[in-house]
Amino acid sequence: VREERDEGREKRIMFGSDQRVWPQASGEAIRSLEEAPFLSESQKRDIFYNNAARFLRLSDEQIARDHAD
């Protein structure tokens, strides 16, 4: 992630997992991104949600529903 950020590609990173063998690995991956000192809070929000929302072309209404939960 640091390399992508350094090269200005942080708007292209989306968090995702299809982890079935080691389910605890997803939580560890989330924690590592949440605790990454080289990412701003805005960059973390982009990785966890905003980049996917933009890629999927979610409507403002869908985004509002997602944030209401």
N, C-alpha and C. Protein backbone atom coordinates (compact mmCIF):
# COMPACT_ATOMS: atom_id res chain seq x y z
N VAL A 1 0.83 -1.19 0.00
CA VAL A 1 0.00 0.00 0.00
C VAL A 1 0.87 1.25 0.00
N ARG A 2 1.98 1.19 0.74
CA ARG A 2 2.84 2.37 0.81
C ARG A 2 3.36 2.75 -0.57
N GLU A 3 3.77 1.76 -1.37
CA GLU A 3 4.29 2.05 -2.71
C GLU A 3 3.22 2.70 -3.58
N GLU A 4 2.01 2.18 -3.53
CA GLU A 4 0.92 2.76 -4.32
C GLU A 4 0.66 4.20 -3.88
N ARG A 5 0.67 4.42 -2.57
CA ARG A 5 0.45 5.78 -2.06
C ARG A 5 1.57 6.70 -2.53
N ASP A 6 2.81 6.23 -2.42
CA ASP A 6 3.96 7.04 -2.83
C ASP A 6 3.91 7.38 -4.31
N GLU A 7 3.30 6.52 -5.10
CA GLU A 7 3.21 6.76 -6.54
C GLU A 7 1.89 7.43 -6.94
N GLY A 8 1.11 7.86 -5.94
CA GLY A 8 -0.12 8.60 -6.21
C GLY A 8 -1.29 7.75 -6.66
N ARG A 9 -1.26 6.47 -6.34
CA ARG A 9 -2.34 5.58 -6.77
C ARG A 9 -3.27 5.18 -5.64
N GLU A 10 -3.28 5.91 -4.54
CA GLU A 10 -4.12 5.50 -3.41
C GLU A 10 -5.61 5.55 -3.73
N LYS A 11 -6.01 6.26 -4.77
CA LYS A 11 -7.42 6.31 -5.17
C LYS A 11 -7.83 5.06 -5.94
N ARG A 12 -6.88 4.14 -6.17
CA ARG A 12 -7.18 2.90 -6.89
C ARG A 12 -7.16 1.67 -5.99
N ILE A 13 -6.90 1.85 -4.72
CA ILE A 13 -6.80 0.72 -3.79
C ILE A 13 -8.14 0.49 -3.11
N MET A 14 -8.59 -0.77 -3.14
CA MET A 14 -9.82 -1.14 -2.45
C MET A 14 -9.53 -2.32 -1.53
N PHE A 15 -10.03 -2.25 -0.32
CA PHE A 15 -9.87 -3.38 0.59
C PHE A 15 -10.88 -4.45 0.23
N GLY A 16 -10.42 -5.68 0.24
CA GLY A 16 -11.33 -6.79 -0.01
C GLY A 16 -10.70 -8.08 0.46
N SER A 17 -11.52 -9.06 0.71
CA SER A 17 -11.00 -10.34 1.14
C SER A 17 -11.99 -11.44 0.80
N ASP A 18 -11.44 -12.54 0.35
CA ASP A 18 -12.25 -13.75 0.19
C ASP A 18 -11.62 -14.86 1.03
N GLN A 19 -11.03 -14.44 2.12
CA GLN A 19 -10.29 -15.32 3.01
C GLN A 19 -11.20 -16.38 3.64
N ARG A 20 -10.95 -17.63 3.37
CA ARG A 20 -11.72 -18.71 3.98
C ARG A 20 -10.84 -19.65 4.79
N VAL A 21 -9.59 -19.77 4.40
CA VAL A 21 -8.71 -20.70 5.08
C VAL A 21 -8.31 -20.17 6.45
N TRP A 22 -7.96 -18.89 6.52
CA TRP A 22 -7.59 -18.25 7.78
C TRP A 22 -8.50 -17.05 8.00
N PRO A 23 -9.72 -17.24 8.50
CA PRO A 23 -10.66 -16.13 8.64
C PRO A 23 -10.13 -15.00 9.52
N GLN A 24 -9.28 -15.30 10.47
CA GLN A 24 -8.73 -14.25 11.34
C GLN A 24 -7.81 -13.31 10.56
N ALA A 25 -7.34 -13.73 9.40
CA ALA A 25 -6.43 -12.90 8.61
C ALA A 25 -7.12 -11.62 8.13
N SER A 26 -8.41 -11.66 7.90
CA SER A 26 -9.11 -10.44 7.47
C SER A 26 -9.05 -9.37 8.54
N GLY A 27 -9.29 -9.76 9.78
CA GLY A 27 -9.21 -8.80 10.88
C GLY A 27 -7.81 -8.23 11.03
N GLU A 28 -6.81 -9.08 10.86
CA GLU A 28 -5.42 -8.62 10.94
C GLU A 28 -5.11 -7.64 9.82
N ALA A 29 -5.62 -7.91 8.63
CA ALA A 29 -5.40 -7.01 7.49
C ALA A 29 -6.06 -5.66 7.75
N ILE A 30 -7.26 -5.67 8.28
CA ILE A 30 -7.96 -4.42 8.60
C ILE A 30 -7.18 -3.64 9.65
N ARG A 31 -6.77 -4.32 10.70
CA ARG A 31 -5.98 -3.65 11.76
C ARG A 31 -4.70 -3.04 11.21
N SER A 32 -4.02 -3.78 10.34
CA SER A 32 -2.75 -3.26 9.82
C SER A 32 -2.97 -1.98 9.02
N LEU A 33 -4.07 -1.90 8.27
CA LEU A 33 -4.36 -0.66 7.54
C LEU A 33 -4.80 0.45 8.49
N GLU A 34 -5.63 0.11 9.47
CA GLU A 34 -6.08 1.12 10.42
C GLU A 34 -4.92 1.72 11.20
N GLU A 35 -3.90 0.93 11.47
CA GLU A 35 -2.76 1.38 12.26
C GLU A 35 -1.58 1.88 11.43
N ALA A 36 -1.71 1.88 10.11
CA ALA A 36 -0.61 2.29 9.24
C ALA A 36 -0.31 3.77 9.43
N PRO A 37 0.87 4.11 9.95
CA PRO A 37 1.18 5.51 10.21
C PRO A 37 1.40 6.33 8.95
N PHE A 38 1.61 5.67 7.83
CA PHE A 38 1.88 6.38 6.58
C PHE A 38 0.60 6.71 5.80
N LEU A 39 -0.58 6.31 6.33
CA LEU A 39 -1.85 6.63 5.69
C LEU A 39 -2.62 7.65 6.52
N SER A 40 -3.18 8.63 5.85
CA SER A 40 -4.03 9.60 6.54
C SER A 40 -5.40 8.96 6.77
N GLU A 41 -6.20 9.57 7.63
CA GLU A 41 -7.55 9.07 7.86
C GLU A 41 -8.37 9.09 6.57
N SER A 42 -8.16 10.12 5.78
CA SER A 42 -8.87 10.23 4.50
C SER A 42 -8.47 9.09 3.55
N GLN A 43 -7.20 8.77 3.50
CA GLN A 43 -6.74 7.67 2.65
C GLN A 43 -7.31 6.33 3.13
N LYS A 44 -7.39 6.15 4.43
CA LYS A 44 -7.97 4.92 4.98
C LYS A 44 -9.44 4.80 4.60
N ARG A 45 -10.20 5.91 4.71
CA ARG A 45 -11.62 5.89 4.31
C ARG A 45 -11.76 5.55 2.83
N ASP A 46 -10.83 6.08 2.02
CA ASP A 46 -10.86 5.77 0.59
C ASP A 46 -10.66 4.28 0.36
N ILE A 47 -9.66 3.69 1.01
CA ILE A 47 -9.34 2.28 0.82
C ILE A 47 -10.49 1.39 1.30
N PHE A 48 -11.07 1.72 2.43
CA PHE A 48 -12.12 0.88 3.00
C PHE A 48 -13.50 1.09 2.36
N TYR A 49 -13.76 2.25 1.75
CA TYR A 49 -15.11 2.47 1.22
C TYR A 49 -15.15 3.34 -0.04
N ASN A 50 -14.61 4.54 0.04
CA ASN A 50 -14.84 5.53 -1.01
C ASN A 50 -14.38 5.09 -2.39
N ASN A 51 -13.24 4.43 -2.49
CA ASN A 51 -12.76 4.00 -3.81
C ASN A 51 -13.70 2.97 -4.43
N ALA A 52 -14.19 2.04 -3.61
CA ALA A 52 -15.13 1.04 -4.13
C ALA A 52 -16.46 1.70 -4.51
N ALA A 53 -16.92 2.63 -3.70
CA ALA A 53 -18.18 3.32 -4.01
C ALA A 53 -18.07 4.06 -5.35
N ARG A 54 -16.94 4.69 -5.58
CA ARG A 54 -16.73 5.39 -6.86
C ARG A 54 -16.65 4.38 -8.00
N PHE A 55 -15.89 3.30 -7.82
CA PHE A 55 -15.73 2.27 -8.84
C PHE A 55 -17.08 1.64 -9.20
N LEU A 56 -17.90 1.38 -8.19
CA LEU A 56 -19.21 0.75 -8.40
C LEU A 56 -20.29 1.75 -8.80
N ARG A 57 -19.91 3.03 -8.82
CA ARG A 57 -20.83 4.11 -9.19
C ARG A 57 -22.08 4.11 -8.32
N LEU A 58 -21.85 3.98 -7.00
CA LEU A 58 -22.98 4.02 -6.07
C LEU A 58 -23.62 5.40 -6.09
N SER A 59 -24.92 5.42 -5.96
CA SER A 59 -25.64 6.70 -5.93
C SER A 59 -25.44 7.35 -4.57
N ASP A 60 -25.71 8.64 -4.50
CA ASP A 60 -25.65 9.35 -3.23
C ASP A 60 -26.60 8.72 -2.21
N GLU A 61 -27.75 8.24 -2.69
CA GLU A 61 -28.72 7.62 -1.80
C GLU A 61 -28.16 6.31 -1.21
N GLN A 62 -27.49 5.51 -2.04
CA GLN A 62 -26.91 4.25 -1.54
C GLN A 62 -25.80 4.54 -0.54
N ILE A 63 -24.98 5.50 -0.83
CA ILE A 63 -23.90 5.86 0.08
C ILE A 63 -24.46 6.34 1.42
N ALA A 64 -25.52 7.15 1.37
CA ALA A 64 -26.16 7.61 2.60
C ALA A 64 -26.71 6.44 3.39
N ARG A 65 -27.33 5.47 2.71
CA ARG A 65 -27.85 4.29 3.41
C ARG A 65 -26.71 3.50 4.05
N ASP A 66 -25.61 3.34 3.33
CA ASP A 66 -24.47 2.61 3.88
C ASP A 66 -23.91 3.27 5.13
N HIS A 67 -23.90 4.59 5.13
CA HIS A 67 -23.35 5.31 6.28
C HIS A 67 -24.34 5.45 7.43
N ALA A 68 -25.61 5.15 7.18
CA ALA A 68 -26.63 5.26 8.23
C ALA A 68 -26.56 4.07 9.19
N ASP A 69 -26.00 2.98 8.75
CA ASP A 69 -25.94 1.76 9.59
C ASP A 69 -24.98 1.88 10.73
